[in-house]
Amino acid sequence: MTDQSTLNWDLPAPFSQEIRVAPEQTDRLGHANNVVYLRWLEEVSWAHIESLGMTWALHEETGKAMAITRTEIDYLAAANAGDILELGTWLTGFDGRFRSARQFQLIRKSDGKTLVRALSTHACVDLETQRPSRMPAEFRRILGSVLVAGGRGLDER
């Protein structure tokens, strides 16, 4: 089994979570279902920002949230029931006002193979109106502190 410290990450020092693929997460082909990958991306994103202090309580207090505006996923190889995976994420784009971008890499731990690469972009919205809104200072401070250079940013597709 590949040790996490030796996984071949695209960028340095990801925030990561281990995932074990459950049989009920697979589709008729026996692969992890594409809807499940989206759920995993969302879960690691929330875990990452919450670990930095950007909790749901802060979202409610400021009346703002970061809403996903686009998700791009490249499925490079299948994950199967029983596989143990490591999902890493980095904040790779941040305009300091409204938008951010987050990059992901999913690696199967048994052989170190990258299964998925993904990019999501986000826009700050007002929780009440659901309309675009300038980020509060707390969001700018937190997101600005973890921006990683060298990844795919806001204007890359």
N, C-alpha and C. Protein backbone atom coordinates (compact mmCIF):
# COMPACT_ATOMS: atom_id res chain seq x y z
N MET A 1 0.84 -1.19 0.00
CA MET A 1 0.00 0.00 0.00
C MET A 1 0.88 1.24 0.00
N THR A 2 0.49 2.23 -0.76
CA THR A 2 1.25 3.47 -0.87
C THR A 2 0.99 4.34 0.36
N ASP A 3 2.05 4.84 0.97
CA ASP A 3 1.95 5.75 2.10
C ASP A 3 1.55 7.13 1.58
N GLN A 4 0.67 7.84 2.30
CA GLN A 4 0.19 9.14 1.83
C GLN A 4 1.33 10.10 1.57
N SER A 5 2.39 10.05 2.37
CA SER A 5 3.49 10.98 2.18
C SER A 5 4.23 10.73 0.87
N THR A 6 4.06 9.57 0.28
CA THR A 6 4.72 9.27 -0.99
C THR A 6 3.76 9.36 -2.18
N LEU A 7 2.52 9.76 -1.95
CA LEU A 7 1.59 9.91 -3.07
C LEU A 7 2.07 11.03 -3.98
N ASN A 8 1.87 10.86 -5.25
CA ASN A 8 2.35 11.80 -6.25
C ASN A 8 1.31 12.91 -6.48
N TRP A 9 1.28 13.87 -5.57
CA TRP A 9 0.32 14.97 -5.66
C TRP A 9 0.74 15.95 -6.75
N ASP A 10 -0.24 16.54 -7.42
CA ASP A 10 0.02 17.54 -8.45
C ASP A 10 0.59 18.83 -7.87
N LEU A 11 0.19 19.16 -6.66
CA LEU A 11 0.63 20.37 -5.97
C LEU A 11 1.05 19.98 -4.55
N PRO A 12 1.84 20.82 -3.89
CA PRO A 12 2.31 20.46 -2.54
C PRO A 12 1.22 20.58 -1.47
N ALA A 13 1.38 19.79 -0.44
CA ALA A 13 0.63 19.88 0.82
C ALA A 13 -0.89 20.02 0.65
N PRO A 14 -1.55 19.02 0.06
CA PRO A 14 -3.00 19.12 -0.05
C PRO A 14 -3.69 18.95 1.30
N PHE A 15 -4.88 19.49 1.41
CA PHE A 15 -5.78 19.07 2.48
C PHE A 15 -6.41 17.80 1.92
N SER A 16 -6.41 16.72 2.68
CA SER A 16 -6.92 15.48 2.10
C SER A 16 -7.75 14.67 3.09
N GLN A 17 -8.55 13.79 2.52
CA GLN A 17 -9.37 12.86 3.28
C GLN A 17 -9.29 11.48 2.63
N GLU A 18 -9.28 10.46 3.48
CA GLU A 18 -9.31 9.10 2.98
C GLU A 18 -10.76 8.68 2.73
N ILE A 19 -10.95 7.93 1.65
CA ILE A 19 -12.28 7.45 1.26
C ILE A 19 -12.19 5.96 0.99
N ARG A 20 -13.14 5.21 1.50
CA ARG A 20 -13.26 3.80 1.15
C ARG A 20 -14.53 3.67 0.31
N VAL A 21 -14.40 3.16 -0.90
CA VAL A 21 -15.54 3.05 -1.81
C VAL A 21 -16.45 1.93 -1.33
N ALA A 22 -17.68 2.28 -1.00
CA ALA A 22 -18.68 1.30 -0.53
C ALA A 22 -19.41 0.70 -1.73
N PRO A 23 -19.85 -0.55 -1.63
CA PRO A 23 -20.57 -1.18 -2.74
C PRO A 23 -21.78 -0.38 -3.22
N GLU A 24 -22.50 0.26 -2.30
CA GLU A 24 -23.68 1.02 -2.69
C GLU A 24 -23.32 2.33 -3.42
N GLN A 25 -22.04 2.68 -3.48
CA GLN A 25 -21.61 3.87 -4.20
C GLN A 25 -21.23 3.56 -5.66
N THR A 26 -21.38 2.31 -6.06
CA THR A 26 -21.01 1.93 -7.43
C THR A 26 -22.23 1.88 -8.33
N ASP A 27 -21.97 1.95 -9.64
CA ASP A 27 -23.04 1.91 -10.62
C ASP A 27 -23.11 0.51 -11.24
N ARG A 28 -23.87 0.37 -12.30
CA ARG A 28 -24.04 -0.93 -12.95
C ARG A 28 -22.75 -1.49 -13.52
N LEU A 29 -21.79 -0.63 -13.78
CA LEU A 29 -20.50 -1.07 -14.30
C LEU A 29 -19.56 -1.53 -13.19
N GLY A 30 -19.99 -1.31 -11.94
CA GLY A 30 -19.15 -1.68 -10.81
C GLY A 30 -18.16 -0.60 -10.41
N HIS A 31 -18.26 0.57 -11.05
CA HIS A 31 -17.38 1.71 -10.74
C HIS A 31 -18.09 2.65 -9.78
N ALA A 32 -17.30 3.44 -9.05
CA ALA A 32 -17.91 4.50 -8.26
C ALA A 32 -18.73 5.39 -9.20
N ASN A 33 -19.96 5.67 -8.82
CA ASN A 33 -20.87 6.44 -9.65
C ASN A 33 -20.42 7.89 -9.72
N ASN A 34 -20.62 8.53 -10.88
CA ASN A 34 -20.15 9.90 -11.05
C ASN A 34 -20.81 10.88 -10.07
N VAL A 35 -22.01 10.61 -9.63
CA VAL A 35 -22.67 11.46 -8.63
C VAL A 35 -21.93 11.39 -7.29
N VAL A 36 -21.39 10.23 -6.99
CA VAL A 36 -20.65 10.04 -5.75
C VAL A 36 -19.37 10.89 -5.75
N TYR A 37 -18.70 10.97 -6.91
CA TYR A 37 -17.50 11.80 -6.99
C TYR A 37 -17.83 13.24 -6.63
N LEU A 38 -18.95 13.76 -7.13
CA LEU A 38 -19.35 15.14 -6.79
C LEU A 38 -19.57 15.30 -5.29
N ARG A 39 -20.18 14.32 -4.67
CA ARG A 39 -20.40 14.37 -3.23
C ARG A 39 -19.06 14.40 -2.49
N TRP A 40 -18.12 13.56 -2.93
CA TRP A 40 -16.80 13.55 -2.29
C TRP A 40 -16.10 14.91 -2.43
N LEU A 41 -16.20 15.53 -3.61
CA LEU A 41 -15.59 16.85 -3.80
C LEU A 41 -16.19 17.87 -2.84
N GLU A 42 -17.51 17.84 -2.70
CA GLU A 42 -18.17 18.78 -1.80
C GLU A 42 -17.76 18.52 -0.34
N GLU A 43 -17.71 17.25 0.05
CA GLU A 43 -17.36 16.92 1.43
C GLU A 43 -15.95 17.36 1.79
N VAL A 44 -14.98 17.13 0.90
CA VAL A 44 -13.60 17.53 1.21
C VAL A 44 -13.48 19.05 1.20
N SER A 45 -14.25 19.73 0.34
CA SER A 45 -14.22 21.19 0.31
C SER A 45 -14.70 21.78 1.63
N TRP A 46 -15.83 21.28 2.12
CA TRP A 46 -16.35 21.76 3.41
C TRP A 46 -15.39 21.44 4.54
N ALA A 47 -14.86 20.23 4.56
CA ALA A 47 -13.91 19.86 5.62
C ALA A 47 -12.70 20.79 5.60
N HIS A 48 -12.23 21.13 4.40
CA HIS A 48 -11.06 21.99 4.29
C HIS A 48 -11.35 23.39 4.86
N ILE A 49 -12.42 24.03 4.39
CA ILE A 49 -12.66 25.40 4.86
C ILE A 49 -13.05 25.43 6.33
N GLU A 50 -13.77 24.41 6.79
CA GLU A 50 -14.12 24.37 8.21
C GLU A 50 -12.87 24.22 9.08
N SER A 51 -11.88 23.46 8.59
CA SER A 51 -10.63 23.30 9.35
C SER A 51 -9.87 24.63 9.47
N LEU A 52 -10.18 25.57 8.57
CA LEU A 52 -9.53 26.88 8.57
C LEU A 52 -10.32 27.93 9.36
N GLY A 53 -11.48 27.53 9.87
CA GLY A 53 -12.33 28.45 10.63
C GLY A 53 -13.47 29.05 9.84
N MET A 54 -13.63 28.63 8.58
CA MET A 54 -14.73 29.13 7.76
C MET A 54 -15.92 28.18 7.94
N THR A 55 -16.47 28.19 9.13
CA THR A 55 -17.53 27.27 9.53
C THR A 55 -18.89 27.75 9.02
N TRP A 56 -19.88 26.88 9.14
CA TRP A 56 -21.23 27.28 8.75
C TRP A 56 -21.71 28.41 9.65
N ALA A 57 -21.31 28.42 10.92
CA ALA A 57 -21.69 29.51 11.82
C ALA A 57 -21.17 30.84 11.29
N LEU A 58 -19.96 30.87 10.74
CA LEU A 58 -19.42 32.10 10.16
C LEU A 58 -20.22 32.50 8.92
N HIS A 59 -20.62 31.52 8.12
CA HIS A 59 -21.44 31.82 6.95
C HIS A 59 -22.76 32.49 7.40
N GLU A 60 -23.38 31.91 8.41
CA GLU A 60 -24.65 32.48 8.90
C GLU A 60 -24.44 33.86 9.51
N GLU A 61 -23.35 34.02 10.25
CA GLU A 61 -23.06 35.31 10.88
C GLU A 61 -22.84 36.41 9.85
N THR A 62 -22.14 36.09 8.76
CA THR A 62 -21.86 37.09 7.72
C THR A 62 -22.98 37.20 6.70
N GLY A 63 -23.85 36.18 6.65
CA GLY A 63 -24.93 36.18 5.67
C GLY A 63 -24.43 35.89 4.25
N LYS A 64 -23.25 35.31 4.14
CA LYS A 64 -22.63 35.03 2.84
C LYS A 64 -22.20 33.57 2.75
N ALA A 65 -22.06 33.07 1.52
CA ALA A 65 -21.57 31.72 1.29
C ALA A 65 -20.91 31.67 -0.09
N MET A 66 -20.08 30.67 -0.28
CA MET A 66 -19.44 30.45 -1.57
C MET A 66 -20.23 29.36 -2.29
N ALA A 67 -20.86 29.72 -3.41
CA ALA A 67 -21.67 28.79 -4.18
C ALA A 67 -20.88 28.30 -5.39
N ILE A 68 -21.00 27.03 -5.68
CA ILE A 68 -20.31 26.45 -6.84
C ILE A 68 -20.95 26.99 -8.12
N THR A 69 -20.11 27.48 -9.03
CA THR A 69 -20.60 27.97 -10.31
C THR A 69 -20.23 27.04 -11.46
N ARG A 70 -19.23 26.21 -11.26
CA ARG A 70 -18.81 25.28 -12.31
C ARG A 70 -17.97 24.18 -11.68
N THR A 71 -18.16 22.96 -12.16
CA THR A 71 -17.31 21.84 -11.78
C THR A 71 -16.91 21.10 -13.04
N GLU A 72 -15.62 20.88 -13.16
CA GLU A 72 -15.05 20.19 -14.31
C GLU A 72 -14.31 18.96 -13.77
N ILE A 73 -14.68 17.77 -14.25
CA ILE A 73 -14.08 16.54 -13.74
C ILE A 73 -13.51 15.74 -14.89
N ASP A 74 -12.27 15.31 -14.74
CA ASP A 74 -11.64 14.39 -15.67
C ASP A 74 -11.53 13.04 -14.98
N TYR A 75 -12.27 12.06 -15.49
CA TYR A 75 -12.24 10.69 -14.95
C TYR A 75 -11.13 9.96 -15.69
N LEU A 76 -10.05 9.63 -15.01
CA LEU A 76 -8.88 9.04 -15.64
C LEU A 76 -8.85 7.53 -15.51
N ALA A 77 -9.43 7.01 -14.44
CA ALA A 77 -9.51 5.56 -14.21
C ALA A 77 -10.61 5.33 -13.18
N ALA A 78 -11.13 4.12 -13.15
CA ALA A 78 -12.28 3.81 -12.28
C ALA A 78 -11.85 3.47 -10.85
N ALA A 79 -12.71 3.85 -9.91
CA ALA A 79 -12.60 3.40 -8.53
C ALA A 79 -13.66 2.33 -8.34
N ASN A 80 -13.33 1.27 -7.63
CA ASN A 80 -14.23 0.14 -7.44
C ASN A 80 -14.51 -0.07 -5.95
N ALA A 81 -15.58 -0.80 -5.67
CA ALA A 81 -15.94 -1.10 -4.28
C ALA A 81 -14.73 -1.68 -3.56
N GLY A 82 -14.49 -1.19 -2.37
CA GLY A 82 -13.39 -1.66 -1.55
C GLY A 82 -12.11 -0.87 -1.72
N ASP A 83 -11.99 -0.10 -2.81
CA ASP A 83 -10.79 0.71 -3.00
C ASP A 83 -10.67 1.74 -1.88
N ILE A 84 -9.45 1.97 -1.46
CA ILE A 84 -9.16 3.03 -0.49
C ILE A 84 -8.47 4.14 -1.26
N LEU A 85 -9.06 5.33 -1.19
CA LEU A 85 -8.63 6.47 -1.97
C LEU A 85 -8.21 7.61 -1.06
N GLU A 86 -7.43 8.52 -1.59
CA GLU A 86 -7.08 9.75 -0.89
C GLU A 86 -7.47 10.90 -1.81
N LEU A 87 -8.34 11.77 -1.32
CA LEU A 87 -8.81 12.91 -2.10
C LEU A 87 -8.17 14.18 -1.55
N GLY A 88 -7.35 14.81 -2.38
CA GLY A 88 -6.67 16.05 -1.99
C GLY A 88 -7.30 17.25 -2.66
N THR A 89 -7.19 18.39 -2.00
CA THR A 89 -7.73 19.64 -2.55
C THR A 89 -6.84 20.81 -2.17
N TRP A 90 -6.87 21.81 -3.05
CA TRP A 90 -6.13 23.06 -2.85
C TRP A 90 -6.98 24.22 -3.34
N LEU A 91 -6.85 25.38 -2.71
CA LEU A 91 -7.45 26.60 -3.24
C LEU A 91 -6.43 27.16 -4.23
N THR A 92 -6.79 27.22 -5.50
CA THR A 92 -5.83 27.59 -6.54
C THR A 92 -6.18 28.88 -7.28
N GLY A 93 -7.29 29.47 -6.94
CA GLY A 93 -7.67 30.74 -7.54
C GLY A 93 -8.46 31.57 -6.54
N PHE A 94 -8.20 32.88 -6.53
CA PHE A 94 -8.89 33.75 -5.58
C PHE A 94 -8.71 35.18 -6.05
N ASP A 95 -9.82 35.85 -6.34
CA ASP A 95 -9.71 37.23 -6.84
C ASP A 95 -9.81 38.27 -5.72
N GLY A 96 -10.00 37.81 -4.47
CA GLY A 96 -10.04 38.73 -3.34
C GLY A 96 -11.34 39.50 -3.18
N ARG A 97 -12.32 39.24 -4.08
CA ARG A 97 -13.57 39.99 -4.02
C ARG A 97 -14.79 39.09 -4.07
N PHE A 98 -14.90 38.30 -5.17
CA PHE A 98 -16.11 37.53 -5.41
C PHE A 98 -15.88 36.04 -5.64
N ARG A 99 -14.77 35.69 -6.30
CA ARG A 99 -14.62 34.33 -6.83
C ARG A 99 -13.41 33.60 -6.26
N SER A 100 -13.53 32.25 -6.28
CA SER A 100 -12.41 31.40 -5.91
C SER A 100 -12.45 30.14 -6.78
N ALA A 101 -11.35 29.42 -6.80
CA ALA A 101 -11.27 28.16 -7.54
C ALA A 101 -10.56 27.14 -6.67
N ARG A 102 -10.98 25.91 -6.81
CA ARG A 102 -10.46 24.82 -6.00
C ARG A 102 -10.12 23.65 -6.92
N GLN A 103 -8.93 23.11 -6.75
CA GLN A 103 -8.46 21.98 -7.55
C GLN A 103 -8.49 20.73 -6.68
N PHE A 104 -8.73 19.57 -7.33
CA PHE A 104 -8.83 18.29 -6.63
C PHE A 104 -8.01 17.23 -7.37
N GLN A 105 -7.54 16.25 -6.60
CA GLN A 105 -6.89 15.08 -7.17
C GLN A 105 -7.27 13.88 -6.31
N LEU A 106 -7.74 12.82 -6.95
CA LEU A 106 -8.15 11.60 -6.25
C LEU A 106 -7.17 10.48 -6.63
N ILE A 107 -6.54 9.89 -5.62
CA ILE A 107 -5.51 8.87 -5.84
C ILE A 107 -5.93 7.57 -5.15
N ARG A 108 -5.78 6.45 -5.86
CA ARG A 108 -5.98 5.14 -5.24
C ARG A 108 -4.71 4.80 -4.47
N LYS A 109 -4.86 4.52 -3.18
CA LYS A 109 -3.70 4.35 -2.32
C LYS A 109 -2.93 3.06 -2.59
N SER A 110 -3.59 2.03 -3.07
CA SER A 110 -2.90 0.75 -3.25
C SER A 110 -1.82 0.80 -4.33
N ASP A 111 -2.04 1.62 -5.37
CA ASP A 111 -1.06 1.67 -6.45
C ASP A 111 -0.61 3.09 -6.79
N GLY A 112 -1.13 4.10 -6.08
CA GLY A 112 -0.72 5.48 -6.31
C GLY A 112 -1.25 6.08 -7.59
N LYS A 113 -2.20 5.42 -8.23
CA LYS A 113 -2.74 5.90 -9.52
C LYS A 113 -3.74 7.04 -9.30
N THR A 114 -3.57 8.12 -10.07
CA THR A 114 -4.53 9.22 -10.04
C THR A 114 -5.76 8.80 -10.84
N LEU A 115 -6.92 8.83 -10.18
CA LEU A 115 -8.17 8.41 -10.81
C LEU A 115 -8.97 9.59 -11.36
N VAL A 116 -8.88 10.72 -10.67
CA VAL A 116 -9.68 11.89 -11.04
C VAL A 116 -8.87 13.16 -10.78
N ARG A 117 -9.06 14.11 -11.69
CA ARG A 117 -8.62 15.49 -11.46
C ARG A 117 -9.85 16.35 -11.70
N ALA A 118 -10.03 17.36 -10.85
CA ALA A 118 -11.22 18.21 -10.98
C ALA A 118 -10.89 19.64 -10.60
N LEU A 119 -11.74 20.53 -11.07
CA LEU A 119 -11.63 21.95 -10.75
C LEU A 119 -13.04 22.47 -10.53
N SER A 120 -13.24 23.19 -9.44
CA SER A 120 -14.53 23.85 -9.24
C SER A 120 -14.29 25.33 -9.02
N THR A 121 -15.23 26.12 -9.50
CA THR A 121 -15.16 27.56 -9.26
C THR A 121 -16.37 27.96 -8.41
N HIS A 122 -16.19 29.02 -7.65
CA HIS A 122 -17.19 29.44 -6.68
C HIS A 122 -17.36 30.95 -6.74
N ALA A 123 -18.56 31.39 -6.41
CA ALA A 123 -18.84 32.82 -6.31
C ALA A 123 -19.51 33.09 -4.96
N CYS A 124 -19.16 34.20 -4.38
CA CYS A 124 -19.78 34.58 -3.11
C CYS A 124 -21.21 35.05 -3.38
N VAL A 125 -22.13 34.54 -2.57
CA VAL A 125 -23.53 34.94 -2.69
C VAL A 125 -24.07 35.35 -1.33
N ASP A 126 -25.09 36.18 -1.38
CA ASP A 126 -25.83 36.57 -0.19
C ASP A 126 -26.77 35.42 0.15
N LEU A 127 -26.76 34.95 1.39
CA LEU A 127 -27.59 33.81 1.77
C LEU A 127 -29.09 34.09 1.62
N GLU A 128 -29.49 35.33 1.86
CA GLU A 128 -30.91 35.65 1.79
C GLU A 128 -31.41 35.80 0.35
N THR A 129 -30.66 36.53 -0.46
CA THR A 129 -31.12 36.81 -1.82
C THR A 129 -30.61 35.81 -2.86
N GLN A 130 -29.55 35.07 -2.51
CA GLN A 130 -28.89 34.13 -3.43
C GLN A 130 -28.23 34.84 -4.61
N ARG A 131 -28.04 36.14 -4.50
CA ARG A 131 -27.41 36.93 -5.56
C ARG A 131 -25.93 37.12 -5.25
N PRO A 132 -25.11 37.35 -6.30
CA PRO A 132 -23.68 37.59 -6.07
C PRO A 132 -23.46 38.73 -5.09
N SER A 133 -22.42 38.58 -4.30
CA SER A 133 -22.13 39.57 -3.27
C SER A 133 -20.62 39.59 -3.01
N ARG A 134 -20.12 40.74 -2.61
CA ARG A 134 -18.71 40.85 -2.26
C ARG A 134 -18.42 39.99 -1.02
N MET A 135 -17.27 39.34 -1.00
CA MET A 135 -16.89 38.50 0.14
C MET A 135 -16.67 39.34 1.39
N PRO A 136 -17.10 38.81 2.54
CA PRO A 136 -16.78 39.50 3.78
C PRO A 136 -15.28 39.39 4.08
N ALA A 137 -14.78 40.29 4.91
CA ALA A 137 -13.36 40.32 5.25
C ALA A 137 -12.88 38.98 5.80
N GLU A 138 -13.72 38.30 6.58
CA GLU A 138 -13.33 37.01 7.17
C GLU A 138 -13.04 35.98 6.08
N PHE A 139 -13.86 35.94 5.05
CA PHE A 139 -13.65 35.01 3.94
C PHE A 139 -12.36 35.34 3.21
N ARG A 140 -12.16 36.64 2.95
CA ARG A 140 -10.95 37.07 2.23
C ARG A 140 -9.70 36.69 3.01
N ARG A 141 -9.74 36.87 4.31
CA ARG A 141 -8.58 36.53 5.15
C ARG A 141 -8.30 35.04 5.10
N ILE A 142 -9.32 34.22 5.29
CA ILE A 142 -9.15 32.77 5.32
C ILE A 142 -8.73 32.23 3.97
N LEU A 143 -9.45 32.59 2.92
CA LEU A 143 -9.14 32.06 1.60
C LEU A 143 -7.79 32.56 1.10
N GLY A 144 -7.48 33.82 1.36
CA GLY A 144 -6.20 34.36 0.94
C GLY A 144 -5.02 33.70 1.62
N SER A 145 -5.24 33.14 2.80
CA SER A 145 -4.14 32.52 3.55
C SER A 145 -3.76 31.14 3.04
N VAL A 146 -4.61 30.51 2.22
CA VAL A 146 -4.33 29.14 1.77
C VAL A 146 -4.19 29.02 0.25
N LEU A 147 -4.12 30.13 -0.44
CA LEU A 147 -3.98 30.10 -1.90
C LEU A 147 -2.67 29.42 -2.29
N VAL A 148 -2.76 28.45 -3.19
CA VAL A 148 -1.59 27.70 -3.65
C VAL A 148 -1.26 28.12 -5.07
N ALA A 149 -0.02 28.49 -5.30
CA ALA A 149 0.43 28.89 -6.64
C ALA A 149 0.70 27.65 -7.49
N GLY A 150 0.57 27.81 -8.78
CA GLY A 150 0.93 26.74 -9.70
C GLY A 150 -0.22 25.85 -10.14
N GLY A 151 -1.39 26.03 -9.56
CA GLY A 151 -2.55 25.23 -9.93
C GLY A 151 -3.38 25.93 -10.98
N ARG A 152 -4.48 25.30 -11.34
CA ARG A 152 -5.41 25.91 -12.28
C ARG A 152 -6.24 26.94 -11.54
N GLY A 153 -6.36 28.10 -12.10
CA GLY A 153 -7.05 29.18 -11.43
C GLY A 153 -8.43 29.47 -11.96
N LEU A 154 -8.84 30.71 -11.82
CA LEU A 154 -10.21 31.11 -12.14
C LEU A 154 -10.52 31.16 -13.63
N ASP A 155 -9.57 31.53 -14.43
CA ASP A 155 -9.86 31.74 -15.85
C ASP A 155 -9.40 30.60 -16.74
N GLU A 156 -9.03 29.48 -16.15
CA GLU A 156 -8.57 28.34 -16.94
C GLU A 156 -9.68 27.32 -17.10
N ARG A 157 -9.81 26.81 -18.32
CA ARG A 157 -10.83 25.79 -18.60
C ARG A 157 -10.20 24.67 -19.36
